[in-house]
């Protein structure tokens, strides 16, 4: 039994063929430069992925596929469980596109292409917002006009939920403790970045909100910002709503401050003495530490903090600087352990650190495949 997992972006398509029971990946890859002459659209990209699988001797009709799983970022209020795709669901996903403009439209394109190319398989949407669906009201509610919020479904939805759930479960397993007994902070640090506080297996707060723009400083997204800035730019700078939206989503964050959102290149520029790159990094770390401190207060007792995703798993400097000077809060990093590289779950905190700090590689594709297998 296998599941084909598809994650469609605006310019790339990731795919994986996964055995959900064993966790084994038969293949995975990415098709990039969608929209170029060589790869004009998602139809061409998915066909290219199938060609690559065939070149590896993996033919879709012989793999025992039981479903195609699609990562969908925003499910709104209605969709928080793995859901079979039909025309009604696609129409609903289109409605939520304004709240996830970088993610939902290409996801819908990928779903439509995959349904056309693989019409005999069930297609299942797995939502990034699902894990945070039942946030406590105090955490999910914005302090704006209540009737307006209800009418327009404005609340904190949270994102990267598949990753936060998977990583928190892996952390509890690593500690050999029941999931329901562990209080955790999960730091998903990639080009998109989010934090969560999880008390006894239940998320009680998360940094992303109505859209994936709130919270931590990200690669190209601003994270938290004074909303008065938006009105000021509209009135004083003459920027349109579309201009402001593009600025906040694509030209802000680490890239907006420092001109580079690849942390490897950013560090090279810092080491060469570039002050704007250093400032971008400092702003990034400062915001991250504020959220860690806030979630320590929200949880009251924290057992483990986990770093995950591209930056969290691979940049020991970010982990070191995010946790530096927090011994008074029970957090102490072991520099030698932090410097080690591994693809496995590993501890990077000192033996005498009251709070365990881990690096936990995320595996959203496996989590999506398992969700799909459970449904079918």
Protein backbone atom coordinates (compact mmCIF):
# COMPACT_ATOMS: atom_id res chain seq x y z
CA UNK A 1 0.00 0.00 0.00
CA UNK A 2 1.42 3.35 -1.07
CA UNK A 3 0.29 6.97 -1.21
CA UNK A 4 1.41 9.60 -3.69
CA UNK A 5 1.89 12.89 -1.83
CA UNK A 6 1.86 16.15 -3.80
CA UNK A 7 2.77 19.61 -2.52
CA UNK A 8 2.08 22.16 -5.24
CA UNK A 9 3.70 25.57 -5.02
CA UNK A 10 3.53 28.52 -7.36
CA UNK A 11 6.85 27.69 -9.02
CA UNK A 12 7.58 24.15 -7.85
CA UNK A 13 5.93 20.81 -7.25
CA UNK A 14 7.20 18.39 -4.63
CA UNK A 15 6.19 14.75 -4.78
CA UNK A 16 6.80 11.57 -2.82
CA UNK A 17 5.69 7.95 -2.99
CA UNK A 18 5.35 6.74 0.58
CA UNK A 19 4.47 3.49 2.33
CA UNK A 20 2.49 4.88 5.28
CA UNK A 21 2.70 1.75 7.41
CA UNK A 22 6.48 1.46 7.39
CA UNK A 23 7.34 5.10 6.72
CA UNK A 24 9.48 4.03 3.76
CA UNK A 25 9.88 6.45 0.85
CA UNK A 26 10.03 4.70 -2.51
CA UNK A 27 10.85 8.01 -4.19
CA UNK A 28 10.66 11.73 -3.68
CA UNK A 29 11.65 14.75 -5.68
CA UNK A 30 10.85 18.26 -6.81
CA UNK A 31 10.06 19.81 -10.18
CA UNK A 32 11.06 23.47 -10.28
CA UNK A 33 10.72 26.53 -12.54
CA UNK A 34 7.01 26.10 -13.20
CA UNK A 35 5.97 28.95 -15.47
CA UNK A 36 9.15 28.82 -17.53
CA UNK A 37 9.45 27.81 -21.16
CA UNK A 38 10.79 24.41 -20.10
CA UNK A 39 8.04 23.82 -17.52
CA UNK A 40 5.04 25.94 -18.51
CA UNK A 41 2.45 24.77 -15.96
CA UNK A 42 1.52 22.27 -13.23
CA UNK A 43 0.30 19.76 -15.81
CA UNK A 44 3.77 19.64 -17.35
CA UNK A 45 5.35 19.49 -13.90
CA UNK A 46 3.30 16.52 -12.73
CA UNK A 47 3.91 14.68 -16.00
CA UNK A 48 7.63 15.34 -15.51
CA UNK A 49 7.39 13.87 -12.01
CA UNK A 50 5.70 10.76 -13.40
CA UNK A 51 8.42 10.46 -16.06
CA UNK A 52 11.08 10.64 -13.35
CA UNK A 53 9.34 7.93 -11.35
CA UNK A 54 9.13 5.74 -14.44
CA UNK A 55 12.85 6.30 -15.09
CA UNK A 56 13.45 4.84 -11.63
CA UNK A 57 11.32 1.80 -12.49
CA UNK A 58 8.36 3.07 -10.47
CA UNK A 59 5.23 2.89 -12.62
CA UNK A 60 2.12 4.28 -10.99
CA UNK A 61 -0.09 1.38 -12.04
CA UNK A 62 2.16 -1.15 -10.25
CA UNK A 63 2.87 0.69 -6.99
CA UNK A 64 -0.29 -0.25 -5.12
CA UNK A 65 -1.41 3.35 -4.83
CA UNK A 66 -4.49 3.76 -2.64
CA UNK A 67 -4.72 7.57 -2.63
CA UNK A 68 -3.18 10.85 -3.68
CA UNK A 69 -2.59 13.20 -0.77
CA UNK A 70 -2.43 16.95 -1.31
CA UNK A 71 -1.01 19.47 1.13
CA UNK A 72 -3.41 22.41 1.38
CA UNK A 73 -2.45 25.38 3.51
CA UNK A 74 -5.77 27.03 4.39
CA UNK A 75 -8.92 25.08 5.14
CA UNK A 76 -10.82 27.88 6.84
CA UNK A 77 -13.31 27.01 9.57
CA UNK A 78 -15.00 24.16 7.74
CA UNK A 79 -12.10 21.87 6.81
CA UNK A 80 -9.88 20.54 9.57
CA UNK A 81 -9.84 16.82 8.86
CA UNK A 82 -8.39 14.96 5.86
CA UNK A 83 -11.10 15.43 3.25
CA UNK A 84 -11.93 13.68 -0.03
CA UNK A 85 -11.64 16.14 -2.89
CA UNK A 86 -14.70 16.95 -4.97
CA UNK A 87 -15.88 19.98 -6.89
CA UNK A 88 -17.47 21.46 -3.79
CA UNK A 89 -14.20 21.31 -1.86
CA UNK A 90 -12.28 22.95 -4.70
CA UNK A 91 -14.80 25.80 -4.77
CA UNK A 92 -14.38 26.27 -1.00
CA UNK A 93 -10.59 26.31 -1.30
CA UNK A 94 -10.84 29.04 -3.92
CA UNK A 95 -12.76 31.14 -1.38
CA UNK A 96 -9.85 30.99 1.05
CA UNK A 97 -7.24 31.93 -1.55
CA UNK A 98 -7.10 35.60 -0.42
CA UNK A 99 -5.92 34.44 3.02
CA UNK A 100 -3.15 32.23 1.64
CA UNK A 101 -2.35 33.84 -1.73
CA UNK A 102 1.05 32.17 -2.06
CA UNK A 103 -0.27 28.71 -1.25
CA UNK A 104 -3.93 27.89 -1.90
CA UNK A 105 -4.11 28.83 -5.63
CA UNK A 106 -1.20 26.59 -6.67
CA UNK A 107 -2.50 23.82 -4.39
CA UNK A 108 -5.83 23.93 -6.22
CA UNK A 109 -4.01 23.87 -9.56
CA UNK A 110 -2.06 20.81 -8.46
CA UNK A 111 -5.22 19.06 -7.28
CA UNK A 112 -7.05 19.71 -10.54
CA UNK A 113 -4.14 18.45 -12.64
CA UNK A 114 -3.65 15.34 -10.50
CA UNK A 115 -7.36 14.50 -10.62
CA UNK A 116 -7.23 14.74 -14.40
CA UNK A 117 -4.14 12.53 -14.71
CA UNK A 118 -5.14 10.05 -11.98
CA UNK A 119 -8.96 9.99 -12.16
CA UNK A 120 -9.42 6.53 -10.64
CA UNK A 121 -7.74 7.26 -7.31
CA UNK A 122 -9.24 9.09 -4.32
CA UNK A 123 -7.65 12.50 -3.87
CA UNK A 124 -7.44 13.74 -0.29
CA UNK A 125 -6.71 17.22 1.00
CA UNK A 126 -4.73 17.47 4.24
CA UNK A 127 -4.82 20.92 5.79
CA UNK A 128 -2.03 22.89 7.44
CA UNK A 129 -4.61 24.56 9.66
CA UNK A 130 -6.14 21.34 11.01
CA UNK A 131 -3.94 20.82 14.08
CA UNK A 132 -4.80 24.26 15.41
CA UNK A 133 -8.54 24.08 14.77
CA UNK A 134 -9.41 23.81 18.46
CA UNK A 135 -7.12 26.48 19.85
CA UNK A 136 -8.45 27.94 23.11
CA UNK A 137 -10.72 30.89 22.39
CA UNK A 138 -8.37 33.29 24.17
CA UNK A 139 -5.58 32.33 21.78
CA UNK A 140 -7.68 32.12 18.62
CA UNK A 141 -9.62 35.37 19.03
CA UNK A 142 -8.48 38.75 17.77
CA UNK A 143 -9.52 41.80 19.79
CA UNK A 144 -11.56 43.41 17.01
CA UNK A 145 -15.28 43.99 16.55
CA UNK A 146 -16.92 40.67 17.41
CA UNK A 147 -19.69 40.78 14.80
CA UNK A 148 -17.23 41.73 12.06
CA UNK A 149 -14.93 38.87 13.02
CA UNK A 150 -17.81 36.39 13.02
CA UNK A 151 -19.12 37.57 9.66
CA UNK A 152 -15.75 37.30 7.93
CA UNK A 153 -14.47 34.25 9.84
CA UNK A 154 -11.54 36.19 11.29
CA UNK A 155 -9.58 34.20 13.87
CA UNK A 156 -6.15 32.73 14.37
CA UNK A 157 -6.05 29.59 12.27
CA UNK A 158 -2.38 28.67 12.54
CA UNK A 159 -0.32 26.93 9.86
CA UNK A 160 2.41 24.29 9.47
CA UNK A 161 0.07 22.21 11.62
CA UNK A 162 1.03 18.91 10.00
CA UNK A 163 4.66 19.60 10.89
CA UNK A 164 3.94 20.81 14.43
CA UNK A 165 1.85 17.74 15.18
CA UNK A 166 4.37 15.31 13.70
CA UNK A 167 7.37 16.91 15.41
CA UNK A 168 5.67 17.11 18.80
CA UNK A 169 4.73 13.44 18.59
CA UNK A 170 8.28 12.50 17.63
CA UNK A 171 9.66 14.55 20.52
CA UNK A 172 7.43 12.77 23.04
CA UNK A 173 8.45 9.39 21.59
CA UNK A 174 12.14 10.35 21.83
CA UNK A 175 11.64 11.21 25.50
CA UNK A 176 9.77 7.91 25.94
CA UNK A 177 6.84 9.70 27.50
CA UNK A 178 3.12 9.67 26.70
CA UNK A 179 2.23 12.47 24.30
CA UNK A 180 -0.48 13.69 26.67
CA UNK A 181 2.04 14.23 29.47
CA UNK A 182 4.48 16.52 27.66
CA UNK A 183 4.42 20.33 27.40
CA UNK A 184 6.26 21.50 24.31
CA UNK A 185 7.38 24.42 22.20
CA UNK A 186 7.91 23.60 18.53
CA UNK A 187 9.89 25.99 16.32
CA UNK A 188 9.31 25.31 12.63
CA UNK A 189 11.97 27.45 10.98
CA UNK A 190 12.09 27.39 7.21
CA UNK A 191 11.47 30.08 4.61
CA UNK A 192 8.09 30.18 6.32
CA UNK A 193 8.45 30.08 10.09
CA UNK A 194 6.08 29.43 12.97
CA UNK A 195 6.08 28.57 16.65
CA UNK A 196 3.59 26.62 18.72
CA UNK A 197 2.91 25.91 22.37
CA UNK A 198 1.48 22.43 22.95
CA UNK A 199 0.22 21.40 26.38
CA UNK A 200 -0.37 17.69 26.86
CA UNK A 201 -0.82 17.04 23.15
CA UNK A 202 -3.17 19.98 22.63
CA UNK A 203 -1.99 23.17 20.89
CA UNK A 204 -2.73 26.17 23.09
CA UNK A 205 -1.10 28.90 21.00
CA UNK A 206 0.65 29.42 17.68
CA UNK A 207 2.37 32.33 16.01
CA UNK A 208 0.69 32.36 12.60
CA UNK A 209 -2.83 33.74 12.50
CA UNK A 210 -5.58 34.45 9.99
CA UNK A 211 -2.92 34.14 7.29
CA UNK A 212 0.58 32.62 7.20
CA UNK A 213 2.05 36.13 7.55
CA UNK A 214 1.72 36.72 11.30
CA UNK A 215 4.31 35.84 13.92
CA UNK A 216 7.99 35.11 13.44
CA UNK A 217 10.20 36.95 10.96
CA UNK A 218 10.37 34.73 7.87
CA UNK A 219 12.33 34.49 4.65
CA UNK A 220 10.24 37.02 2.71
CA UNK A 221 7.30 37.63 5.07
CA UNK A 222 7.26 40.28 7.76
CA UNK A 223 5.69 38.41 10.64
CA UNK A 224 4.22 40.65 13.36
CA UNK A 225 3.83 44.26 12.29
CA UNK A 226 2.01 47.32 13.66
CA UNK A 227 -1.21 47.43 11.58
CA UNK A 228 -0.94 51.22 11.62
CA UNK A 229 1.99 50.88 9.22
CA UNK A 230 -0.37 49.56 6.56
CA UNK A 231 -2.69 52.55 6.79
CA UNK A 232 0.31 54.89 6.83
CA UNK A 233 1.75 53.36 3.65
CA UNK A 234 -1.67 53.56 1.99
CA UNK A 235 -2.26 57.19 2.92
CA UNK A 236 1.20 58.73 2.97
CA UNK A 237 3.18 56.60 0.51
CA UNK A 238 0.31 56.11 -1.92
CA UNK A 239 0.76 52.35 -2.00
CA UNK A 240 -2.20 50.27 -3.15
CA UNK A 241 -3.54 47.33 -1.19
CA UNK A 242 -1.97 45.02 -3.78
CA UNK A 243 1.40 46.80 -3.41
CA UNK A 244 1.29 46.43 0.38
CA UNK A 245 0.28 42.78 0.12
CA UNK A 246 3.17 42.03 -2.22
CA UNK A 247 5.60 43.92 -0.01
CA UNK A 248 4.58 42.01 3.13
CA UNK A 249 4.51 38.58 1.48
CA UNK A 250 7.42 38.74 -0.95
CA UNK A 251 9.70 41.64 -0.08
CA UNK A 252 9.84 41.66 3.71
CA UNK A 253 11.30 39.45 6.43
CA UNK A 254 14.97 38.58 6.33
CA UNK A 255 15.04 39.35 2.61
CA UNK A 256 13.44 42.75 3.05
CA UNK A 257 15.89 43.85 5.72
CA UNK A 258 19.05 42.14 4.56
CA UNK A 259 18.54 41.45 0.85
CA UNK A 260 18.93 37.68 1.18
CA UNK A 261 16.62 34.96 2.52
CA UNK A 262 18.94 31.95 2.10
CA UNK A 263 20.54 31.64 5.53
CA UNK A 264 23.70 30.10 4.12
CA UNK A 265 24.25 33.13 1.91
CA UNK A 266 23.10 35.47 4.66
CA UNK A 267 25.78 34.08 6.98
CA UNK A 268 28.42 34.51 4.29
CA UNK A 269 27.43 38.16 3.97
CA UNK A 270 27.51 38.60 7.74
CA UNK A 271 31.00 37.10 7.90
CA UNK A 272 32.12 39.52 5.19
CA UNK A 273 31.01 42.41 7.40
CA UNK A 274 27.70 43.32 5.77
CA UNK A 275 25.77 45.33 8.36
CA UNK A 276 22.31 45.01 6.82
CA UNK A 277 22.63 41.22 6.78
CA UNK A 278 23.66 41.29 10.44
CA UNK A 279 20.65 43.45 11.25
CA UNK A 280 18.30 41.08 9.42
CA UNK A 281 19.69 38.16 11.41
CA UNK A 282 19.45 40.05 14.71
CA UNK A 283 15.81 41.00 14.06
CA UNK A 284 15.05 37.36 13.20
CA UNK A 285 16.61 36.04 16.40
CA UNK A 286 15.07 38.76 18.57
CA UNK A 287 11.53 37.91 17.41
CA UNK A 288 12.18 34.19 17.86
CA UNK A 289 13.37 34.66 21.44
CA UNK A 290 10.30 36.79 22.24
CA UNK A 291 8.02 33.95 21.17
CA UNK A 292 9.98 31.35 23.12
CA UNK A 293 9.73 33.50 26.23
CA UNK A 294 6.03 34.10 25.70
CA UNK A 295 5.28 30.42 25.26
CA UNK A 296 7.26 29.49 28.35
CA UNK A 297 4.81 31.75 30.21
CA UNK A 298 1.76 30.34 28.41
CA UNK A 299 2.73 26.76 29.24
CA UNK A 300 3.86 27.39 32.81
CA UNK A 301 5.93 24.19 32.69
CA UNK A 302 7.88 23.32 29.56
CA UNK A 303 9.47 19.92 29.09
CA UNK A 304 10.95 20.19 25.61
CA UNK A 305 11.70 22.70 22.86
CA UNK A 306 12.14 21.29 19.35
CA UNK A 307 13.75 22.90 16.30
CA UNK A 308 12.63 21.67 12.90
CA UNK A 309 12.43 22.50 9.16
CA UNK A 310 15.23 23.75 6.89
CA UNK A 311 16.79 26.42 9.12
CA UNK A 312 15.85 24.79 12.42
CA UNK A 313 17.38 21.45 11.45
CA UNK A 314 20.50 22.71 9.67
CA UNK A 315 21.66 25.99 11.20
CA UNK A 316 23.37 25.46 14.58
CA UNK A 317 24.04 29.19 14.85
CA UNK A 318 20.32 30.00 14.85
CA UNK A 319 19.68 27.37 17.51
CA UNK A 320 22.57 28.62 19.63
CA UNK A 321 21.59 32.27 19.43
CA UNK A 322 17.88 31.58 19.99
CA UNK A 323 18.64 29.71 23.22
CA UNK A 324 21.61 31.81 24.44
CA UNK A 325 21.44 33.25 27.94
CA UNK A 326 18.30 31.37 28.96
CA UNK A 327 19.82 29.25 31.73
CA UNK A 328 17.71 31.19 34.23
CA UNK A 329 14.64 29.81 32.42
CA UNK A 330 15.94 26.25 32.52
CA UNK A 331 17.41 26.14 29.02
CA UNK A 332 21.05 25.25 28.48
CA UNK A 333 22.54 24.23 25.13
CA UNK A 334 25.52 21.89 24.76
CA UNK A 335 27.66 23.52 22.05
CA UNK A 336 29.26 20.25 20.94
CA UNK A 337 25.92 18.47 20.57
CA UNK A 338 24.44 21.47 18.79
CA UNK A 339 27.28 21.44 16.25
CA UNK A 340 26.68 17.80 15.29
CA UNK A 341 24.79 16.99 12.10
CA UNK A 342 22.39 14.10 11.80
CA UNK A 343 19.17 13.14 10.03
CA UNK A 344 17.84 11.62 13.25
CA UNK A 345 16.07 13.13 16.25
CA UNK A 346 18.79 14.34 18.61
CA UNK A 347 19.24 16.14 21.90
CA UNK A 348 21.28 19.37 21.87
CA UNK A 349 20.68 20.50 25.44
CA UNK A 350 23.20 19.96 28.24
CA UNK A 351 22.64 16.97 30.54
CA UNK A 352 21.76 19.30 33.42
CA UNK A 353 19.30 21.42 31.40
CA UNK A 354 15.83 21.22 33.05
CA UNK A 355 14.24 21.85 29.63
CA UNK A 356 15.25 19.36 26.95
CA UNK A 357 16.10 20.93 23.59
CA UNK A 358 15.89 18.73 20.50
CA UNK A 359 16.40 18.86 16.77
CA UNK A 360 13.55 16.88 15.19
CA UNK A 361 13.53 16.46 11.41
CA UNK A 362 10.02 17.06 10.16
CA UNK A 363 8.35 14.72 7.71
CA UNK A 364 5.14 16.29 6.45
CA UNK A 365 4.94 13.90 3.49
CA UNK A 366 4.84 10.87 5.80
CA UNK A 367 2.26 12.53 8.03
CA UNK A 368 0.07 13.33 5.00
CA UNK A 369 0.44 9.78 3.66
CA UNK A 370 -0.58 8.31 7.02
CA UNK A 371 -3.59 10.63 7.24
CA UNK A 372 -4.69 9.57 3.76
CA UNK A 373 -4.25 5.86 4.48
CA UNK A 374 -6.32 6.19 7.65
CA UNK A 375 -9.14 7.82 5.70
CA UNK A 376 -9.31 5.31 2.85
